[in-house]
Amino acid sequence: PPLWIGSATPAGVRRAGALGAGILLSGANPLPMVAVL
């Protein structure tokens, strides 16, 4: 099935992007952090 990865760091979400996987970001993340990730 479609794959998603959870991460709160730029390195972690870059790895997810490199795999072609989606990401789910935490609701506690401020919007500037969401944009960075």
All heavy atoms as atom14 arrays in JSON, in Angstrom:
{
  "sequence": "PPLWIGSATPAGVRRAGALGAGILLSGANPLPMVAVL",
  "atom14_mask": [
    [1, 1, 1, 1, 1, 1, 1, 0, 0, 0, 0, 0, 0, 0],
    [1, 1, 1, 1, 1, 1, 1, 0, 0, 0, 0, 0, 0, 0],
    [1, 1, 1, 1, 1, 1, 1, 1, 0, 0, 0, 0, 0, 0],
    [1, 1, 1, 1, 1, 1, 1, 1, 1, 1, 1, 1, 1, 1],
    [1, 1, 1, 1, 1, 1, 1, 1, 0, 0, 0, 0, 0, 0],
    [1, 1, 1, 1, 0, 0, 0, 0, 0, 0, 0, 0, 0, 0],
    [1, 1, 1, 1, 1, 1, 0, 0, 0, 0, 0, 0, 0, 0],
    [1, 1, 1, 1, 1, 0, 0, 0, 0, 0, 0, 0, 0, 0],
    [1, 1, 1, 1, 1, 1, 1, 0, 0, 0, 0, 0, 0, 0],
    [1, 1, 1, 1, 1, 1, 1, 0, 0, 0, 0, 0, 0, 0],
    [1, 1, 1, 1, 1, 0, 0, 0, 0, 0, 0, 0, 0, 0],
    [1, 1, 1, 1, 0, 0, 0, 0, 0, 0, 0, 0, 0, 0],
    [1, 1, 1, 1, 1, 1, 1, 0, 0, 0, 0, 0, 0, 0],
    [1, 1, 1, 1, 1, 1, 1, 1, 1, 1, 1, 0, 0, 0],
    [1, 1, 1, 1, 1, 1, 1, 1, 1, 1, 1, 0, 0, 0],
    [1, 1, 1, 1, 1, 0, 0, 0, 0, 0, 0, 0, 0, 0],
    [1, 1, 1, 1, 0, 0, 0, 0, 0, 0, 0, 0, 0, 0],
    [1, 1, 1, 1, 1, 0, 0, 0, 0, 0, 0, 0, 0, 0],
    [1, 1, 1, 1, 1, 1, 1, 1, 0, 0, 0, 0, 0, 0],
    [1, 1, 1, 1, 0, 0, 0, 0, 0, 0, 0, 0, 0, 0],
    [1, 1, 1, 1, 1, 0, 0, 0, 0, 0, 0, 0, 0, 0],
    [1, 1, 1, 1, 0, 0, 0, 0, 0, 0, 0, 0, 0, 0],
    [1, 1, 1, 1, 1, 1, 1, 1, 0, 0, 0, 0, 0, 0],
    [1, 1, 1, 1, 1, 1, 1, 1, 0, 0, 0, 0, 0, 0],
    [1, 1, 1, 1, 1, 1, 1, 1, 0, 0, 0, 0, 0, 0],
    [1, 1, 1, 1, 1, 1, 0, 0, 0, 0, 0, 0, 0, 0],
    [1, 1, 1, 1, 0, 0, 0, 0, 0, 0, 0, 0, 0, 0],
    [1, 1, 1, 1, 1, 0, 0, 0, 0, 0, 0, 0, 0, 0],
    [1, 1, 1, 1, 1, 1, 1, 1, 0, 0, 0, 0, 0, 0],
    [1, 1, 1, 1, 1, 1, 1, 0, 0, 0, 0, 0, 0, 0],
    [1, 1, 1, 1, 1, 1, 1, 1, 0, 0, 0, 0, 0, 0],
    [1, 1, 1, 1, 1, 1, 1, 0, 0, 0, 0, 0, 0, 0],
    [1, 1, 1, 1, 1, 1, 1, 1, 0, 0, 0, 0, 0, 0],
    [1, 1, 1, 1, 1, 1, 1, 0, 0, 0, 0, 0, 0, 0],
    [1, 1, 1, 1, 1, 0, 0, 0, 0, 0, 0, 0, 0, 0],
    [1, 1, 1, 1, 1, 1, 1, 0, 0, 0, 0, 0, 0, 0],
    [1, 1, 1, 1, 1, 1, 1, 1, 0, 0, 0, 0, 0, 0]
  ],
  "atom14_positions": [
    [[0.82, -1.21, 0.0], [0.0, 0.0, 0.0], [0.86, 1.26, 0.0], [2.07, 1.2, 0.22], [-0.78, -0.12, 1.31], [0.09, -0.96, 2.19], [0.76, -1.94, 1.28], [0.0, 0.0, 0.0], [0.0, 0.0, 0.0], [0.0, 0.0, 0.0], [0.0, 0.0, 0.0], [0.0, 0.0, 0.0], [0.0, 0.0, 0.0], [0.0, 0.0, 0.0]],
    [[0.26, 2.42, -0.26], [0.99, 3.68, -0.19], [1.7, 3.83, 1.15], [1.16, 3.47, 2.2], [-0.1, 4.73, -0.37], [-1.16, 4.03, -1.16], [-1.14, 2.6, -0.67], [0.0, 0.0, 0.0], [0.0, 0.0, 0.0], [0.0, 0.0, 0.0], [0.0, 0.0, 0.0], [0.0, 0.0, 0.0], [0.0, 0.0, 0.0], [0.0, 0.0, 0.0]],
    [[2.92, 4.36, 1.1], [3.77, 4.43, 2.29], [3.96, 5.88, 2.73], [4.24, 6.76, 1.93], [5.13, 3.8, 1.97], [6.11, 3.66, 3.13], [5.55, 2.72, 4.19], [7.45, 3.12, 2.61], [0.0, 0.0, 0.0], [0.0, 0.0, 0.0], [0.0, 0.0, 0.0], [0.0, 0.0, 0.0], [0.0, 0.0, 0.0], [0.0, 0.0, 0.0]],
    [[3.78, 6.09, 4.04], [4.02, 7.39, 4.67], [5.04, 7.2, 5.79], [5.1, 6.14, 6.42], [2.73, 7.93, 5.28], [1.62, 8.14, 4.3], [0.76, 7.19, 3.8], [1.24, 9.37, 3.68], [-0.11, 7.76, 2.92], [0.14, 9.11, 2.84], [1.71, 10.69, 3.79], [-0.48, 10.1, 2.09], [1.09, 11.69, 3.05], [0.01, 11.39, 2.21]],
    [[5.8, 8.24, 6.04], [6.81, 8.19, 7.11], [6.61, 9.4, 8.02], [6.35, 10.51, 7.55], [8.23, 8.18, 6.52], [8.45, 6.89, 5.71], [9.28, 8.3, 7.62], [9.78, 6.82, 4.99], [0.0, 0.0, 0.0], [0.0, 0.0, 0.0], [0.0, 0.0, 0.0], [0.0, 0.0, 0.0], [0.0, 0.0, 0.0], [0.0, 0.0, 0.0]],
    [[6.71, 9.16, 9.32], [6.61, 10.25, 10.28], [7.99, 10.69, 10.73], [8.84, 9.86, 11.06], [0.0, 0.0, 0.0], [0.0, 0.0, 0.0], [0.0, 0.0, 0.0], [0.0, 0.0, 0.0], [0.0, 0.0, 0.0], [0.0, 0.0, 0.0], [0.0, 0.0, 0.0], [0.0, 0.0, 0.0], [0.0, 0.0, 0.0], [0.0, 0.0, 0.0]],
    [[8.24, 11.99, 10.72], [9.52, 12.52, 11.18], [9.33, 13.98, 11.56], [8.44, 14.66, 11.05], [10.59, 12.4, 10.09], [11.82, 12.94, 10.54], [0.0, 0.0, 0.0], [0.0, 0.0, 0.0], [0.0, 0.0, 0.0], [0.0, 0.0, 0.0], [0.0, 0.0, 0.0], [0.0, 0.0, 0.0], [0.0, 0.0, 0.0], [0.0, 0.0, 0.0]],
    [[10.22, 14.47, 12.44], [10.16, 15.87, 12.85], [11.48, 16.58, 12.58], [11.71, 17.67, 13.1], [9.82, 15.96, 14.34], [0.0, 0.0, 0.0], [0.0, 0.0, 0.0], [0.0, 0.0, 0.0], [0.0, 0.0, 0.0], [0.0, 0.0, 0.0], [0.0, 0.0, 0.0], [0.0, 0.0, 0.0], [0.0, 0.0, 0.0], [0.0, 0.0, 0.0]],
    [[12.35, 15.98, 11.77], [13.64, 16.59, 11.47], [13.82, 16.7, 9.96], [13.33, 15.85, 9.2], [14.8, 15.75, 12.03], [14.87, 14.5, 11.33], [14.61, 15.5, 13.52], [0.0, 0.0, 0.0], [0.0, 0.0, 0.0], [0.0, 0.0, 0.0], [0.0, 0.0, 0.0], [0.0, 0.0, 0.0], [0.0, 0.0, 0.0], [0.0, 0.0, 0.0]],
    [[14.55, 17.73, 9.5], [14.82, 17.84, 8.06], [15.5, 16.61, 7.48], [15.16, 16.17, 6.37], [15.71, 19.09, 7.96], [15.31, 19.92, 9.14], [15.02, 18.92, 10.23], [0.0, 0.0, 0.0], [0.0, 0.0, 0.0], [0.0, 0.0, 0.0], [0.0, 0.0, 0.0], [0.0, 0.0, 0.0], [0.0, 0.0, 0.0], [0.0, 0.0, 0.0]],
    [[16.44, 16.03, 8.22], [17.14, 14.84, 7.71], [16.16, 13.68, 7.53], [16.21, 12.96, 6.53], [18.26, 14.44, 8.67], [0.0, 0.0, 0.0], [0.0, 0.0, 0.0], [0.0, 0.0, 0.0], [0.0, 0.0, 0.0], [0.0, 0.0, 0.0], [0.0, 0.0, 0.0], [0.0, 0.0, 0.0], [0.0, 0.0, 0.0], [0.0, 0.0, 0.0]],
    [[15.25, 13.51, 8.48], [14.29, 12.42, 8.39], [13.33, 12.59, 7.24], [13.03, 11.63, 6.51], [0.0, 0.0, 0.0], [0.0, 0.0, 0.0], [0.0, 0.0, 0.0], [0.0, 0.0, 0.0], [0.0, 0.0, 0.0], [0.0, 0.0, 0.0], [0.0, 0.0, 0.0], [0.0, 0.0, 0.0], [0.0, 0.0, 0.0], [0.0, 0.0, 0.0]],
    [[12.84, 13.8, 7.03], [11.88, 13.98, 5.93], [12.59, 13.95, 4.58], [11.99, 13.56, 3.58], [11.06, 15.28, 6.1], [10.23, 15.22, 7.37], [11.92, 16.52, 6.09], [0.0, 0.0, 0.0], [0.0, 0.0, 0.0], [0.0, 0.0, 0.0], [0.0, 0.0, 0.0], [0.0, 0.0, 0.0], [0.0, 0.0, 0.0], [0.0, 0.0, 0.0]],
    [[13.87, 14.36, 4.55], [14.62, 14.21, 3.28], [14.75, 12.74, 2.91], [14.62, 12.38, 1.73], [16.0, 14.86, 3.4], [16.02, 16.36, 3.19], [17.42, 16.87, 2.93], [18.31, 16.63, 4.06], [18.49, 17.49, 5.07], [17.85, 18.64, 5.08], [19.33, 17.21, 6.05], [0.0, 0.0, 0.0], [0.0, 0.0, 0.0], [0.0, 0.0, 0.0]],
    [[15.0, 11.89, 3.91], [15.1, 10.45, 3.63], [13.76, 9.92, 3.1], [13.73, 9.1, 2.18], [15.5, 9.69, 4.89], [16.97, 9.84, 5.27], [17.38, 8.83, 6.32], [16.71, 9.04, 7.59], [17.2, 9.76, 8.58], [18.37, 10.37, 8.44], [16.54, 9.89, 9.72], [0.0, 0.0, 0.0], [0.0, 0.0, 0.0], [0.0, 0.0, 0.0]],
    [[12.67, 10.39, 3.68], [11.36, 9.96, 3.2], [11.14, 10.4, 1.76], [10.66, 9.63, 0.92], [10.26, 10.54, 4.1], [0.0, 0.0, 0.0], [0.0, 0.0, 0.0], [0.0, 0.0, 0.0], [0.0, 0.0, 0.0], [0.0, 0.0, 0.0], [0.0, 0.0, 0.0], [0.0, 0.0, 0.0], [0.0, 0.0, 0.0], [0.0, 0.0, 0.0]],
    [[11.49, 11.65, 1.44], [11.35, 12.13, 0.07], [12.19, 11.34, -0.9], [11.76, 11.03, -2.01], [0.0, 0.0, 0.0], [0.0, 0.0, 0.0], [0.0, 0.0, 0.0], [0.0, 0.0, 0.0], [0.0, 0.0, 0.0], [0.0, 0.0, 0.0], [0.0, 0.0, 0.0], [0.0, 0.0, 0.0], [0.0, 0.0, 0.0], [0.0, 0.0, 0.0]],
    [[13.41, 10.98, -0.48], [14.3, 10.2, -1.35], [13.73, 8.83, -1.66], [14.0, 8.27, -2.74], [15.68, 10.07, -0.71], [0.0, 0.0, 0.0], [0.0, 0.0, 0.0], [0.0, 0.0, 0.0], [0.0, 0.0, 0.0], [0.0, 0.0, 0.0], [0.0, 0.0, 0.0], [0.0, 0.0, 0.0], [0.0, 0.0, 0.0], [0.0, 0.0, 0.0]],
    [[12.92, 8.3, -0.76], [12.28, 7.0, -0.99], [11.01, 7.12, -1.82], [10.45, 6.12, -2.24], [11.93, 6.35, 0.35], [13.08, 5.82, 1.2], [12.56, 5.38, 2.56], [13.77, 4.65, 0.5], [0.0, 0.0, 0.0], [0.0, 0.0, 0.0], [0.0, 0.0, 0.0], [0.0, 0.0, 0.0], [0.0, 0.0, 0.0], [0.0, 0.0, 0.0]],
    [[10.55, 8.36, -2.03], [9.29, 8.56, -2.72], [8.1, 8.31, -1.82], [6.99, 8.05, -2.3], [0.0, 0.0, 0.0], [0.0, 0.0, 0.0], [0.0, 0.0, 0.0], [0.0, 0.0, 0.0], [0.0, 0.0, 0.0], [0.0, 0.0, 0.0], [0.0, 0.0, 0.0], [0.0, 0.0, 0.0], [0.0, 0.0, 0.0], [0.0, 0.0, 0.0]],
    [[8.3, 8.41, -0.5], [7.24, 8.18, 0.47], [6.66, 9.51, 0.94], [7.37, 10.51, 1.05], [7.76, 7.39, 1.67], [0.0, 0.0, 0.0], [0.0, 0.0, 0.0], [0.0, 0.0, 0.0], [0.0, 0.0, 0.0], [0.0, 0.0, 0.0], [0.0, 0.0, 0.0], [0.0, 0.0, 0.0], [0.0, 0.0, 0.0], [0.0, 0.0, 0.0]],
    [[5.38, 9.52, 1.25], [4.77, 10.71, 1.82], [5.2, 10.89, 3.26], [5.78, 9.99, 3.88], [0.0, 0.0, 0.0], [0.0, 0.0, 0.0], [0.0, 0.0, 0.0], [0.0, 0.0, 0.0], [0.0, 0.0, 0.0], [0.0, 0.0, 0.0], [0.0, 0.0, 0.0], [0.0, 0.0, 0.0], [0.0, 0.0, 0.0], [0.0, 0.0, 0.0]],
    [[4.94, 12.08, 3.83], [5.23, 12.32, 5.23], [3.97, 12.84, 5.92], [3.14, 13.5, 5.3], [6.38, 13.31, 5.45], [6.12, 14.64, 4.71], [7.7, 12.7, 5.06], [7.06, 15.75, 5.12], [0.0, 0.0, 0.0], [0.0, 0.0, 0.0], [0.0, 0.0, 0.0], [0.0, 0.0, 0.0], [0.0, 0.0, 0.0], [0.0, 0.0, 0.0]],
    [[3.87, 12.54, 7.21], [2.81, 13.1, 8.06], [3.5, 13.87, 9.17], [4.28, 13.3, 9.94], [1.94, 11.99, 8.64], [0.86, 12.47, 9.63], [-0.18, 13.33, 8.92], [0.2, 11.28, 10.33], [0.0, 0.0, 0.0], [0.0, 0.0, 0.0], [0.0, 0.0, 0.0], [0.0, 0.0, 0.0], [0.0, 0.0, 0.0], [0.0, 0.0, 0.0]],
    [[3.22, 15.17, 9.27], [3.86, 16.05, 10.25], [2.96, 16.26, 11.46], [1.74, 16.31, 11.33], [4.19, 17.4, 9.6], [5.07, 17.31, 8.35], [5.26, 18.7, 7.75], [6.42, 16.69, 8.67], [0.0, 0.0, 0.0], [0.0, 0.0, 0.0], [0.0, 0.0, 0.0], [0.0, 0.0, 0.0], [0.0, 0.0, 0.0], [0.0, 0.0, 0.0]],
    [[3.57, 16.43, 12.62], [2.83, 16.57, 13.87], [2.0, 17.84, 13.9], [2.4, 18.88, 13.38], [3.82, 16.58, 15.04], [3.18, 16.96, 16.24], [0.0, 0.0, 0.0], [0.0, 0.0, 0.0], [0.0, 0.0, 0.0], [0.0, 0.0, 0.0], [0.0, 0.0, 0.0], [0.0, 0.0, 0.0], [0.0, 0.0, 0.0], [0.0, 0.0, 0.0]],
    [[0.86, 17.76, 14.59], [0.02, 18.93, 14.77], [0.63, 19.96, 15.69], [0.23, 21.13, 15.69], [0.0, 0.0, 0.0], [0.0, 0.0, 0.0], [0.0, 0.0, 0.0], [0.0, 0.0, 0.0], [0.0, 0.0, 0.0], [0.0, 0.0, 0.0], [0.0, 0.0, 0.0], [0.0, 0.0, 0.0], [0.0, 0.0, 0.0], [0.0, 0.0, 0.0]],
    [[1.61, 19.56, 16.5], [2.26, 20.5, 17.42], [3.32, 21.33, 16.72], [3.83, 22.29, 17.29], [2.9, 19.74, 18.58], [0.0, 0.0, 0.0], [0.0, 0.0, 0.0], [0.0, 0.0, 0.0], [0.0, 0.0, 0.0], [0.0, 0.0, 0.0], [0.0, 0.0, 0.0], [0.0, 0.0, 0.0], [0.0, 0.0, 0.0], [0.0, 0.0, 0.0]],
    [[3.67, 20.99, 15.5], [4.69, 21.75, 14.78], [4.18, 23.14, 14.41], [3.15, 23.26, 13.74], [5.09, 21.02, 13.48], [5.85, 19.74, 13.74], [6.36, 19.52, 14.83], [5.9, 18.88, 12.74], [0.0, 0.0, 0.0], [0.0, 0.0, 0.0], [0.0, 0.0, 0.0], [0.0, 0.0, 0.0], [0.0, 0.0, 0.0], [0.0, 0.0, 0.0]],
    [[4.9, 24.2, 14.8], [4.52, 25.54, 14.33], [4.59, 25.61, 12.81], [5.35, 24.86, 12.17], [5.58, 26.45, 14.98], [6.14, 25.65, 16.11], [6.07, 24.22, 15.67], [0.0, 0.0, 0.0], [0.0, 0.0, 0.0], [0.0, 0.0, 0.0], [0.0, 0.0, 0.0], [0.0, 0.0, 0.0], [0.0, 0.0, 0.0], [0.0, 0.0, 0.0]],
    [[3.82, 26.51, 12.23], [3.74, 26.58, 10.77], [5.1, 26.84, 10.11], [5.38, 26.24, 9.06], [2.72, 27.64, 10.35], [2.04, 27.42, 9.0], [1.45, 26.03, 8.9], [0.96, 28.47, 8.78], [0.0, 0.0, 0.0], [0.0, 0.0, 0.0], [0.0, 0.0, 0.0], [0.0, 0.0, 0.0], [0.0, 0.0, 0.0], [0.0, 0.0, 0.0]],
    [[5.98, 27.69, 10.67], [7.31, 27.84, 10.04], [8.09, 26.53, 9.99], [8.8, 26.27, 9.02], [8.0, 28.87, 10.95], [6.89, 29.66, 11.54], [5.79, 28.66, 11.77], [0.0, 0.0, 0.0], [0.0, 0.0, 0.0], [0.0, 0.0, 0.0], [0.0, 0.0, 0.0], [0.0, 0.0, 0.0], [0.0, 0.0, 0.0], [0.0, 0.0, 0.0]],
    [[7.93, 25.7, 11.02], [8.59, 24.4, 11.02], [7.99, 23.49, 9.95], [8.7, 22.76, 9.26], [8.46, 23.75, 12.39], [9.11, 22.39, 12.52], [8.89, 21.73, 14.19], [9.69, 20.13, 14.01], [0.0, 0.0, 0.0], [0.0, 0.0, 0.0], [0.0, 0.0, 0.0], [0.0, 0.0, 0.0], [0.0, 0.0, 0.0], [0.0, 0.0, 0.0]],
    [[6.68, 23.54, 9.79], [6.02, 22.76, 8.74], [6.58, 23.13, 7.37], [6.87, 22.26, 6.55], [4.49, 22.99, 8.78], [3.82, 22.39, 7.55], [3.89, 22.39, 10.05], [0.0, 0.0, 0.0], [0.0, 0.0, 0.0], [0.0, 0.0, 0.0], [0.0, 0.0, 0.0], [0.0, 0.0, 0.0], [0.0, 0.0, 0.0], [0.0, 0.0, 0.0]],
    [[6.76, 24.43, 7.13], [7.28, 24.89, 5.84], [8.69, 24.38, 5.6], [9.05, 23.94, 4.5], [7.24, 26.41, 5.76], [0.0, 0.0, 0.0], [0.0, 0.0, 0.0], [0.0, 0.0, 0.0], [0.0, 0.0, 0.0], [0.0, 0.0, 0.0], [0.0, 0.0, 0.0], [0.0, 0.0, 0.0], [0.0, 0.0, 0.0], [0.0, 0.0, 0.0]],
    [[9.54, 24.42, 6.65], [10.92, 23.92, 6.54], [10.92, 22.43, 6.2], [11.66, 21.96, 5.32], [11.7, 24.19, 7.84], [13.01, 23.41, 7.85], [11.98, 25.68, 7.99], [0.0, 0.0, 0.0], [0.0, 0.0, 0.0], [0.0, 0.0, 0.0], [0.0, 0.0, 0.0], [0.0, 0.0, 0.0], [0.0, 0.0, 0.0], [0.0, 0.0, 0.0]],
    [[10.1, 21.67, 6.9], [10.06, 20.22, 6.68], [9.48, 19.88, 5.31], [9.94, 18.94, 4.65], [9.26, 19.55, 7.79], [9.87, 19.66, 9.2], [8.93, 19.06, 10.23], [11.24, 18.98, 9.26], [0.0, 0.0, 0.0], [0.0, 0.0, 0.0], [0.0, 0.0, 0.0], [0.0, 0.0, 0.0], [0.0, 0.0, 0.0], [0.0, 0.0, 0.0]]
  ]
}
